[in-house]
Amino acid sequence: MTITFVSNYINHHQIPFSNACYQSLGEGYRFIQTEPMEEERVAMGWGKGVDGLPYVKYLYEDGPACRKLILESDIVVFGWTRQEDLLDVTEMIKKRLENGKPSLRVSERLYREGQWKAVSPRGLVRKYKDHTRFGKQPVGLLCAGAYVASDFHIVRAYPDKMFRFGYFPETRQYTEEGLAAKKMRDGKIHMVWAGRFLPLKHPEFAVRIGEELFREGRKFHIHMAGSGELEETVRGQVREKGLEDMFTFYGYTEPARVREIMEKCHVHLFTSNHLEGWGAVVNEAMNSGCAVVANAEAGAVPFLLRHGENGLVYRKTYGEFAAQVKALAADPDRIWRLGWAAYETVANGWNAEHAAAEFLRFCRELAETGRMVPAAEGPLSVAPVKVYGRKVFLFNTF
């Protein structure tokens, strides 16, 4: 069996999954990168580990060979790409169907800013061309986020052919005792916030909860790893409130260093809003044994977290976020119970190796029988049409 994955570029969140596929298929697995990675992403460490990967091909270096590979592979997974002058994905899918070859799309949300955008006539025509037209044909959708299926549902795309997927960063294996030994033991609750300091990620929530915990007399420390347009603003807020001793700012932080910080911390604060397509730091924090407090509107959260079992989930408002963090601060034993359950969720299911095994099983069944057989749970299981506090609209346009 030959499988080709096509996307704008491969990064550190995709390499473990691709490595696992290559380990199983060898020369039968290829990843086609359609454009060079932006310098900003390279500077953030996204390109680490890419050089020398034996399965990566570059569309912008050898277009004819890459297009030939796409047409001849048993299964092709088409991710996001903007190089339409080099590769028209819809036309490639049509040509593959003419030759009896199925395809898969992988996508984050269509309407992150609101499903009301689906009423655009021009947008509906484009969605029909790229997605809805393949409703009864062997073309399926891998949903990189819990709300993806809802967005595609409203344009009647991929009926009964949408499956859970996501991003699968490196997974580290620990014993319970070994992971517990990495955690800070100074009598404080150590919390980590990690990401770019952007409005959609709400880094100011960390400052606000820090101020409230300080007023309540809690012993804590908040670690903030990352940089971005709001970094100086947030640093200033910490100074103004006299919280410098309770915060550590790391600035831009290499991914490996972020993992080291997570391993030492007890709680991860994930405050991104609905504009966050996935949020791979959640995978990483769970794998590091952190009790995660997360916004349910971010794409990864409903797939990975079960409220009260392996993390705590809130509905977008600061008030709900603060209530969950304070509840944890009042119950240190619960922090470790949730953190270890989070670790087990990733170690036993939501990881690159397990996802690759299910993906390859799914692709073999599709290539041999034309059937899309979902997993029972986890990656490649059926993606439900899910919304949070919003009505799903279904248009009768097509």
Protein backbone atom coordinates (compact mmCIF):
# COMPACT_ATOMS: atom_id res chain seq x y z
CA MET A 1 0.00 0.00 0.00
CA THR A 2 1.19 3.49 -0.84
CA ILE A 3 0.02 6.58 1.07
CA THR A 4 0.91 10.19 0.35
CA PHE A 5 0.19 13.05 2.76
CA VAL A 6 0.05 16.52 1.16
CA SER A 7 0.24 19.73 3.17
CA ASN A 8 1.79 23.19 3.18
CA TYR A 9 4.73 21.96 5.28
CA ILE A 10 5.67 19.34 7.81
CA ASN A 11 6.43 20.49 11.36
CA HIS A 12 7.28 19.14 14.81
CA HIS A 13 3.60 18.43 15.53
CA GLN A 14 3.34 16.15 12.48
CA ILE A 15 6.74 14.47 12.39
CA PRO A 16 6.04 11.79 15.04
CA PHE A 17 2.90 10.66 13.17
CA SER A 18 4.69 10.61 9.83
CA ASN A 19 7.65 8.77 11.36
CA ALA A 20 5.29 6.08 12.64
CA CYS A 21 3.68 5.74 9.20
CA TYR A 22 7.08 5.51 7.53
CA GLN A 23 8.24 2.92 10.04
CA SER A 24 5.30 0.70 9.01
CA LEU A 25 5.21 1.39 5.26
CA GLY A 26 8.79 2.33 4.43
CA GLU A 27 8.97 3.61 0.86
CA GLY A 28 5.18 3.32 0.71
CA TYR A 29 4.75 6.51 2.76
CA ARG A 30 5.50 9.99 1.43
CA PHE A 31 4.83 13.52 2.69
CA ILE A 32 4.67 16.24 0.05
CA GLN A 33 5.43 19.73 1.31
CA THR A 34 3.89 22.33 -0.98
CA GLU A 35 5.70 25.49 0.18
CA PRO A 36 8.71 26.57 2.25
CA MET A 37 8.03 27.19 5.93
CA GLU A 38 7.73 30.87 6.88
CA GLU A 39 10.75 32.37 8.63
CA GLU A 40 8.61 33.21 11.67
CA ARG A 41 7.72 29.53 12.11
CA VAL A 42 11.32 28.46 11.57
CA ALA A 43 12.41 30.90 14.28
CA MET A 44 9.82 29.34 16.62
CA GLY A 45 11.42 25.93 16.18
CA TRP A 46 8.75 24.43 13.95
CA GLY A 47 11.31 23.25 11.42
CA LYS A 48 13.46 21.31 13.86
CA GLY A 49 13.92 17.70 12.85
CA VAL A 50 12.68 18.20 9.27
CA ASP A 51 16.02 18.10 7.48
CA GLY A 52 16.95 14.62 6.33
CA LEU A 53 13.52 13.02 6.69
CA PRO A 54 13.60 10.31 3.99
CA TYR A 55 9.90 10.47 3.15
CA VAL A 56 9.53 14.23 2.51
CA LYS A 57 9.23 15.50 -1.07
CA TYR A 58 8.94 19.14 -2.13
CA LEU A 59 6.32 20.21 -4.64
CA TYR A 60 8.07 23.52 -5.32
CA GLU A 61 11.30 21.68 -6.21
CA ASP A 62 9.92 18.84 -8.35
CA GLY A 63 6.29 19.45 -9.23
CA PRO A 64 5.91 16.81 -11.97
CA ALA A 65 7.26 13.99 -9.80
CA CYS A 66 5.07 15.02 -6.86
CA ARG A 67 1.91 15.24 -8.98
CA LYS A 68 2.68 11.82 -10.44
CA LEU A 69 3.04 10.40 -6.94
CA ILE A 70 -0.28 11.94 -5.92
CA LEU A 71 -2.11 10.39 -8.88
CA GLU A 72 -0.58 6.95 -8.43
CA SER A 73 -0.74 6.47 -4.64
CA ASP A 74 -3.40 4.15 -3.25
CA ILE A 75 -4.52 6.77 -0.71
CA VAL A 76 -3.76 10.49 -0.63
CA VAL A 77 -4.51 12.77 2.32
CA PHE A 78 -4.85 16.40 1.27
CA GLY A 79 -4.21 18.95 3.99
CA TRP A 80 -4.21 22.72 3.78
CA THR A 81 -2.25 24.27 0.93
CA ARG A 82 -2.39 27.63 -0.81
CA GLN A 83 -0.20 26.78 -3.80
CA GLU A 84 -3.07 26.40 -6.28
CA ASP A 85 -0.81 27.44 -9.13
CA LEU A 86 1.30 24.35 -8.40
CA LEU A 87 -1.42 21.99 -7.19
CA ASP A 88 -5.19 22.15 -7.66
CA VAL A 89 -6.36 19.75 -4.95
CA THR A 90 -9.93 19.46 -6.22
CA GLU A 91 -8.77 18.59 -9.72
CA MET A 92 -6.36 16.02 -8.30
CA ILE A 93 -9.16 14.39 -6.32
CA LYS A 94 -11.34 14.27 -9.46
CA LYS A 95 -8.54 12.65 -11.48
CA ARG A 96 -7.94 10.10 -8.76
CA LEU A 97 -11.64 9.23 -8.66
CA GLU A 98 -11.60 8.71 -12.42
CA ASN A 99 -8.91 6.09 -11.81
CA GLY A 100 -10.85 4.45 -8.98
CA LYS A 101 -8.64 5.84 -6.22
CA PRO A 102 -10.13 7.21 -2.96
CA SER A 103 -8.85 10.32 -1.18
CA LEU A 104 -9.08 11.96 2.22
CA ARG A 105 -9.11 15.59 3.24
CA VAL A 106 -7.78 16.81 6.60
CA SER A 107 -8.96 20.16 7.85
CA GLU A 108 -9.34 22.50 10.78
CA ARG A 109 -12.47 24.66 11.03
CA LEU A 110 -14.06 26.35 8.03
CA TYR A 111 -15.81 29.03 10.12
CA ARG A 112 -13.72 29.82 13.18
CA GLU A 113 -15.13 33.33 13.40
CA GLY A 114 -18.73 32.11 13.27
CA GLN A 115 -20.92 29.81 11.20
CA TRP A 116 -22.91 32.80 10.04
CA LYS A 117 -20.16 33.18 7.43
CA ALA A 118 -21.59 30.13 5.68
CA VAL A 119 -24.33 32.32 4.18
CA SER A 120 -21.86 33.86 1.73
CA PRO A 121 -23.01 32.83 -1.78
CA ARG A 122 -19.46 32.93 -3.12
CA GLY A 123 -18.26 30.85 -0.18
CA LEU A 124 -21.02 28.27 -0.65
CA VAL A 125 -20.14 27.85 -4.31
CA ARG A 126 -16.50 27.32 -3.39
CA LYS A 127 -17.40 24.80 -0.67
CA TYR A 128 -19.53 22.89 -3.16
CA LYS A 129 -16.68 22.79 -5.66
CA ASP A 130 -14.08 21.67 -3.12
CA HIS A 131 -16.12 19.48 -0.76
CA THR A 132 -19.89 19.00 -1.12
CA ARG A 133 -19.71 17.60 -4.65
CA PHE A 134 -17.90 14.51 -3.32
CA GLY A 135 -20.72 13.57 -0.94
CA LYS A 136 -21.45 10.14 -2.46
CA GLN A 137 -17.92 9.35 -3.58
CA PRO A 138 -14.99 7.74 -1.71
CA VAL A 139 -13.65 10.99 -0.31
CA GLY A 140 -13.63 11.40 3.47
CA LEU A 141 -12.68 14.05 6.00
CA LEU A 142 -10.23 13.83 8.90
CA CYS A 143 -11.32 16.47 11.42
CA ALA A 144 -8.43 18.27 13.11
CA GLY A 145 -10.61 19.68 15.86
CA ALA A 146 -13.90 18.95 17.59
CA TYR A 147 -15.94 21.59 15.73
CA VAL A 148 -14.75 20.79 12.21
CA ALA A 149 -17.55 18.29 11.55
CA SER A 150 -20.13 20.92 12.50
CA ASP A 151 -18.75 23.39 9.96
CA PHE A 152 -18.72 20.86 7.13
CA HIS A 153 -22.14 19.56 8.14
CA ILE A 154 -23.80 22.89 7.44
CA VAL A 155 -22.65 22.76 3.81
CA ARG A 156 -23.69 19.08 3.55
CA ALA A 157 -20.15 17.85 2.95
CA TYR A 158 -18.84 14.35 3.73
CA PRO A 159 -22.04 12.84 5.18
CA ASP A 160 -21.18 9.85 7.42
CA LYS A 161 -17.53 10.25 6.33
CA MET A 162 -16.04 12.52 9.00
CA PHE A 163 -13.54 11.15 11.51
CA ARG A 164 -11.61 12.41 14.52
CA PHE A 165 -8.05 13.42 13.86
CA GLY A 166 -5.66 16.10 15.13
CA TYR A 167 -2.02 16.79 15.80
CA PHE A 168 0.26 14.34 17.55
CA PRO A 169 3.42 15.82 19.09
CA GLU A 170 6.16 13.66 20.56
CA THR A 171 4.88 11.34 23.30
CA ARG A 172 7.16 10.55 26.21
CA GLN A 173 6.74 7.46 28.36
CA TYR A 174 6.94 7.57 32.15
CA THR A 175 6.09 5.47 35.15
CA GLU A 176 3.72 7.13 37.59
CA GLU A 177 6.49 7.36 40.16
CA GLY A 178 8.98 8.71 37.62
CA LEU A 179 6.67 11.45 36.38
CA ALA A 180 5.63 12.43 39.91
CA ALA A 181 9.30 12.77 40.84
CA LYS A 182 9.78 15.44 38.14
CA LYS A 183 7.19 17.77 39.69
CA MET A 184 8.19 20.74 41.86
CA ARG A 185 8.07 19.93 45.58
CA ASP A 186 8.43 23.32 47.27
CA GLY A 187 4.95 23.59 48.73
CA LYS A 188 3.67 25.73 45.86
CA ILE A 189 1.30 24.91 43.01
CA HIS A 190 3.28 25.51 39.84
CA MET A 191 1.18 26.44 36.81
CA VAL A 192 2.34 26.80 33.23
CA TRP A 193 0.89 28.90 30.41
CA ALA A 194 2.59 28.27 27.05
CA GLY A 195 2.05 29.80 23.63
CA ARG A 196 2.28 32.98 21.63
CA PHE A 197 1.11 36.10 23.44
CA LEU A 198 -1.83 36.82 21.16
CA PRO A 199 -5.36 38.12 21.87
CA LEU A 200 -6.97 34.79 20.91
CA LYS A 201 -4.87 32.99 23.53
CA HIS A 202 -5.81 35.31 26.44
CA PRO A 203 -2.53 35.36 28.37
CA GLU A 204 -4.04 38.02 30.63
CA PHE A 205 -6.17 35.29 32.25
CA ALA A 206 -2.99 34.00 33.91
CA VAL A 207 -2.33 37.42 35.47
CA ARG A 208 -5.90 37.79 36.70
CA ILE A 209 -5.98 34.37 38.33
CA GLY A 210 -2.56 35.04 39.84
CA GLU A 211 -3.88 38.20 41.47
CA GLU A 212 -6.91 36.36 42.89
CA LEU A 213 -4.86 33.45 44.22
CA PHE A 214 -2.46 35.90 45.86
CA ARG A 215 -5.34 37.66 47.60
CA GLU A 216 -6.58 34.31 48.88
CA GLY A 217 -3.18 33.54 50.34
CA ARG A 218 -2.42 30.59 48.04
CA LYS A 219 1.15 29.48 47.49
CA PHE A 220 1.71 29.29 43.75
CA HIS A 221 3.99 30.19 40.87
CA ILE A 222 2.97 30.79 37.25
CA HIS A 223 5.42 30.05 34.44
CA MET A 224 4.73 31.82 31.13
CA ALA A 225 6.63 30.45 28.13
CA GLY A 226 6.35 32.26 24.83
CA SER A 227 6.52 35.62 23.12
CA GLY A 228 4.29 37.79 20.97
CA GLU A 229 2.52 41.11 20.63
CA LEU A 230 1.00 41.05 24.13
CA GLU A 231 4.10 39.90 26.02
CA GLU A 232 5.18 43.34 27.24
CA THR A 233 1.60 44.23 28.16
CA VAL A 234 1.28 41.10 30.30
CA ARG A 235 4.67 41.64 31.91
CA GLY A 236 3.56 45.18 32.75
CA GLN A 237 0.35 43.92 34.34
CA VAL A 238 2.36 41.60 36.58
CA ARG A 239 4.60 44.49 37.67
CA GLU A 240 1.66 46.82 38.31
CA LYS A 241 0.00 44.25 40.56
CA GLY A 242 3.18 43.51 42.47
CA LEU A 243 3.23 39.85 41.43
CA GLU A 244 6.80 39.63 40.12
CA ASP A 245 7.78 36.99 42.70
CA MET A 246 4.90 34.74 41.60
CA PHE A 247 5.65 34.81 37.85
CA THR A 248 8.50 33.68 35.62
CA PHE A 249 8.59 34.85 31.99
CA TYR A 250 10.75 32.80 29.64
CA GLY A 251 10.24 34.74 26.41
CA TYR A 252 10.57 32.73 23.21
CA THR A 253 11.10 29.14 24.32
CA GLU A 254 12.24 26.15 22.25
CA PRO A 255 9.65 23.33 22.17
CA ALA A 256 11.97 20.97 24.07
CA ARG A 257 12.39 23.53 26.85
CA VAL A 258 8.61 24.02 27.05
CA ARG A 259 8.27 20.31 27.70
CA GLU A 260 10.83 20.52 30.51
CA ILE A 261 8.83 23.30 32.14
CA MET A 262 5.61 21.31 31.80
CA GLU A 263 7.20 18.25 33.38
CA LYS A 264 7.99 20.30 36.49
CA CYS A 265 4.59 22.01 36.74
CA HIS A 266 1.37 20.68 38.23
CA VAL A 267 -1.28 22.60 36.28
CA HIS A 268 -1.53 23.80 32.69
CA LEU A 269 -3.64 26.87 31.91
CA PHE A 270 -5.01 26.67 28.36
CA THR A 271 -6.96 29.85 27.72
CA SER A 272 -7.23 30.01 23.90
CA ASN A 273 -10.64 30.86 22.49
CA HIS A 274 -12.66 29.51 19.55
CA LEU A 275 -10.08 30.79 17.05
CA GLU A 276 -7.64 28.10 18.18
CA GLY A 277 -8.00 25.33 15.60
CA TRP A 278 -6.34 22.67 17.74
CA GLY A 279 -3.80 23.58 20.45
CA ALA A 280 -0.98 21.03 20.56
CA VAL A 281 0.25 22.38 23.89
CA VAL A 282 -2.70 20.51 25.41
CA ASN A 283 -1.33 17.19 24.13
CA GLU A 284 2.10 18.11 25.49
CA ALA A 285 0.84 19.24 28.89
CA MET A 286 -1.26 16.09 29.30
CA ASN A 287 1.71 13.93 28.34
CA SER A 288 3.70 15.82 30.99
CA GLY A 289 1.21 14.92 33.72
CA CYS A 290 -0.31 18.38 34.16
CA ALA A 291 -3.88 18.86 35.31
CA VAL A 292 -5.21 20.91 32.41
CA VAL A 293 -7.75 23.70 32.81
CA ALA A 294 -8.95 24.40 29.26
CA ASN A 295 -11.43 26.40 27.25
CA ALA A 296 -13.96 24.05 25.64
CA GLU A 297 -14.10 26.21 22.51
CA ALA A 298 -10.57 25.31 21.38
CA GLY A 299 -10.46 22.48 18.86
CA ALA A 300 -8.41 19.90 20.78
CA VAL A 301 -10.27 20.14 24.06
CA PRO A 302 -13.46 18.09 23.49
CA PHE A 303 -11.43 15.34 21.77
CA LEU A 304 -8.83 15.07 24.54
CA LEU A 305 -10.44 16.13 27.82
CA ARG A 306 -13.31 14.69 29.83
CA HIS A 307 -14.31 17.19 32.48
CA GLY A 308 -13.57 15.97 35.97
CA GLU A 309 -11.90 12.78 34.73
CA ASN A 310 -8.65 13.84 33.06
CA GLY A 311 -8.87 17.62 33.23
CA LEU A 312 -11.20 20.55 33.84
CA VAL A 313 -13.10 22.36 31.10
CA TYR A 314 -14.71 25.79 31.18
CA ARG A 315 -16.96 27.68 28.77
CA LYS A 316 -14.94 30.64 27.50
CA THR A 317 -15.59 33.16 30.33
CA TYR A 318 -12.92 34.23 32.78
CA GLY A 319 -15.29 33.60 35.69
CA GLU A 320 -15.66 29.93 34.85
CA PHE A 321 -11.92 29.62 34.26
CA ALA A 322 -11.13 31.16 37.64
CA ALA A 323 -13.60 28.89 39.42
CA GLN A 324 -11.92 25.78 37.99
CA VAL A 325 -8.40 26.95 38.87
CA LYS A 326 -9.42 27.87 42.42
CA ALA A 327 -11.07 24.48 42.88
CA LEU A 328 -7.79 22.81 41.94
CA ALA A 329 -5.76 25.09 44.18
CA ALA A 330 -7.93 24.02 47.11
CA ASP A 331 -7.42 20.30 46.42
CA PRO A 332 -3.76 19.42 45.67
CA ASP A 333 -4.47 15.67 45.70
CA ARG A 334 -6.94 16.12 42.86
CA ILE A 335 -4.28 17.88 40.79
CA TRP A 336 -2.17 14.73 40.59
CA ARG A 337 -5.17 12.45 39.97
CA LEU A 338 -6.20 14.57 36.99
CA GLY A 339 -2.60 14.95 35.80
CA TRP A 340 -1.93 11.21 35.76
CA ALA A 341 -5.27 10.52 34.05
CA ALA A 342 -4.30 13.12 31.43
CA TYR A 343 -0.97 11.38 30.91
CA GLU A 344 -2.70 8.02 30.42
CA THR A 345 -5.10 9.52 27.86
CA VAL A 346 -2.19 10.52 25.66
CA ALA A 347 0.06 7.55 26.38
CA ASN A 348 -2.69 5.01 25.72
CA GLY A 349 -4.55 6.54 22.78
CA TRP A 350 -4.05 10.10 21.59
CA ASN A 351 -0.47 9.68 20.44
CA ALA A 352 1.33 9.43 17.11
CA GLU A 353 1.94 5.68 17.22
CA HIS A 354 -1.65 4.74 18.03
CA ALA A 355 -3.03 7.30 15.56
CA ALA A 356 -0.76 5.99 12.81
CA ALA A 357 -1.80 2.38 13.47
CA GLU A 358 -5.50 3.30 13.24
CA PHE A 359 -4.87 5.48 10.21
CA LEU A 360 -3.08 2.66 8.35
CA ARG A 361 -5.81 0.18 9.26
CA PHE A 362 -8.41 2.66 8.02
CA CYS A 363 -6.52 3.27 4.77
CA ARG A 364 -6.01 -0.44 4.03
CA GLU A 365 -9.73 -1.07 4.43
CA LEU A 366 -10.51 1.90 2.21
CA ALA A 367 -8.03 0.91 -0.50
CA GLU A 368 -9.09 -2.74 -0.54
CA THR A 369 -12.87 -2.49 -0.11
CA GLY A 370 -13.81 1.14 -0.62
CA ARG A 371 -15.30 1.21 2.89
CA MET A 372 -14.44 3.76 5.58
CA VAL A 373 -14.48 1.80 8.83
CA PRO A 374 -14.09 4.01 11.91
CA ALA A 375 -12.20 3.18 15.07
CA ALA A 376 -14.24 2.50 18.18
CA GLU A 377 -12.79 5.55 19.96
CA GLY A 378 -9.96 8.06 19.73
CA PRO A 379 -8.25 8.93 16.44
CA LEU A 380 -10.22 7.82 13.35
CA SER A 381 -13.42 7.29 15.33
CA VAL A 382 -16.58 9.03 14.11
CA ALA A 383 -16.41 12.81 14.52
CA PRO A 384 -19.71 14.01 15.99
CA VAL A 385 -21.38 17.18 14.81
CA LYS A 386 -20.59 19.24 17.90
CA VAL A 387 -21.08 22.88 18.81
CA TYR A 388 -20.63 24.85 21.99
CA GLY A 389 -23.42 27.27 22.75
CA ARG A 390 -24.32 27.78 19.12
CA LYS A 391 -27.00 26.44 16.84
CA VAL A 392 -25.92 24.40 13.84
CA PHE A 393 -27.51 25.63 10.63
CA LEU A 394 -28.03 23.29 7.72
CA PHE A 395 -28.49 24.93 4.36
CA ASN A 396 -30.57 23.43 1.57
CA THR A 397 -28.52 25.19 -1.09
CA PHE A 398 -27.23 22.03 -2.76
